[in-house]
Amino acid sequence: FVVGMDTAVRIIDPKYYNHSQEEMLEAMLQIKSLSCSFVVAGRLNKSNNKFETFHSTINDISPVLQSMFVALSEEEFRIDISSTELRQRM
């Protein structure tokens, strides 16, 4: 799956799994068992004007899940526009 930074953060947020770290891990391991992974596009942090990647932002991801997330570098992909801004232009 190709996702943006905000979506990637939500994918591993226990809040979306009944506030349970265990349920999140179980769901993610089911996805992993199907050989699925996530390619994560970075984003510009407007508060500090720095480009952030998934791995530079998420420091506490379980080592079991780290291989499921491939962070695109700034050199590989950078478009400083939010999905909200893109939708408003349509």
Protein backbone atom coordinates (compact mmCIF):
# COMPACT_ATOMS: atom_id res chain seq x y z
CA PHE A 1 0.00 0.00 0.00
CA VAL A 2 1.18 3.55 -0.69
CA VAL A 3 0.14 5.95 2.06
CA GLY A 4 0.98 9.38 3.39
CA MET A 5 2.56 10.11 6.73
CA ASP A 6 -0.70 10.87 8.58
CA THR A 7 -2.28 7.62 7.42
CA ALA A 8 0.81 5.60 8.36
CA VAL A 9 0.72 7.06 11.85
CA ARG A 10 -2.96 6.13 12.18
CA ILE A 11 -2.33 2.59 10.91
CA ILE A 12 -0.22 1.82 13.99
CA ASP A 13 -2.17 3.89 16.51
CA PRO A 14 -3.74 1.58 19.13
CA LYS A 15 -6.63 4.06 19.37
CA TYR A 16 -8.02 2.47 16.20
CA TYR A 17 -7.75 -1.03 17.70
CA ASN A 18 -9.90 -0.62 20.82
CA HIS A 19 -7.00 1.27 22.42
CA SER A 20 -5.09 -2.02 22.51
CA GLN A 21 -1.44 -2.38 21.54
CA GLU A 22 -1.97 -6.15 21.39
CA GLU A 23 -4.93 -5.87 18.98
CA MET A 24 -2.94 -3.49 16.79
CA LEU A 25 0.00 -5.92 16.68
CA GLU A 26 -2.31 -8.84 15.91
CA ALA A 27 -3.95 -6.97 13.02
CA MET A 28 -0.61 -5.82 11.65
CA LEU A 29 0.84 -9.32 11.85
CA GLN A 30 -2.15 -10.62 9.88
CA ILE A 31 -1.39 -8.03 7.20
CA LYS A 32 2.29 -8.96 7.31
CA SER A 33 1.42 -12.67 6.90
CA LEU A 34 -0.13 -11.74 3.54
CA SER A 35 3.22 -10.23 2.48
CA CYS A 36 1.79 -6.72 2.50
CA SER A 37 3.78 -3.63 3.33
CA PHE A 38 3.37 0.13 3.34
CA VAL A 39 5.34 2.64 1.29
CA VAL A 40 5.14 5.91 3.19
CA ALA A 41 5.58 9.31 1.59
CA GLY A 42 7.10 11.97 3.82
CA ARG A 43 5.80 15.45 4.40
CA LEU A 44 6.85 18.98 5.17
CA ASN A 45 6.33 19.90 8.80
CA LYS A 46 5.04 23.45 8.45
CA SER A 47 5.80 24.34 12.07
CA ASN A 48 9.56 23.83 11.70
CA ASN A 49 9.84 23.81 7.88
CA LYS A 50 11.61 20.42 7.90
CA PHE A 51 10.84 17.40 5.73
CA GLU A 52 9.88 14.38 7.84
CA THR A 53 9.97 10.72 6.88
CA PHE A 54 8.12 7.90 8.61
CA HIS A 55 11.23 6.49 10.26
CA SER A 56 12.45 9.91 11.40
CA THR A 57 9.07 10.60 13.02
CA ILE A 58 8.06 7.23 14.46
CA ASN A 59 10.63 6.07 16.99
CA ASP A 60 8.60 3.62 19.04
CA ILE A 61 7.33 1.20 16.39
CA SER A 62 7.66 -2.46 17.30
CA PRO A 63 10.74 -4.03 15.70
CA VAL A 64 8.43 -6.77 14.39
CA LEU A 65 6.60 -4.15 12.30
CA GLN A 66 9.50 -1.99 11.14
CA SER A 67 10.10 -4.04 7.99
CA MET A 68 6.49 -3.44 6.91
CA PHE A 69 7.12 0.29 6.42
CA VAL A 70 9.29 1.60 3.61
CA ALA A 71 9.89 5.32 4.03
CA LEU A 72 10.41 7.32 0.87
CA SER A 73 13.24 9.79 1.24
CA GLU A 74 12.96 13.45 0.37
CA GLU A 75 15.02 12.76 -2.76
CA GLU A 76 12.67 9.97 -3.85
CA PHE A 77 9.44 11.89 -3.37
CA ARG A 78 8.63 15.39 -2.22
CA ILE A 79 5.58 17.45 -3.08
CA ASP A 80 4.83 20.17 -0.55
CA ILE A 81 1.06 20.09 -0.84
CA SER A 82 -1.43 18.39 1.44
CA SER A 83 -4.11 16.02 0.22
CA THR A 84 -6.68 18.52 1.52
CA GLU A 85 -5.19 21.22 -0.71
CA LEU A 86 -5.24 18.84 -3.68
CA ARG A 87 -8.92 18.01 -3.11
CA GLN A 88 -9.80 21.70 -2.86
CA ARG A 89 -8.25 22.31 -6.28
CA MET A 90 -10.44 19.70 -7.94
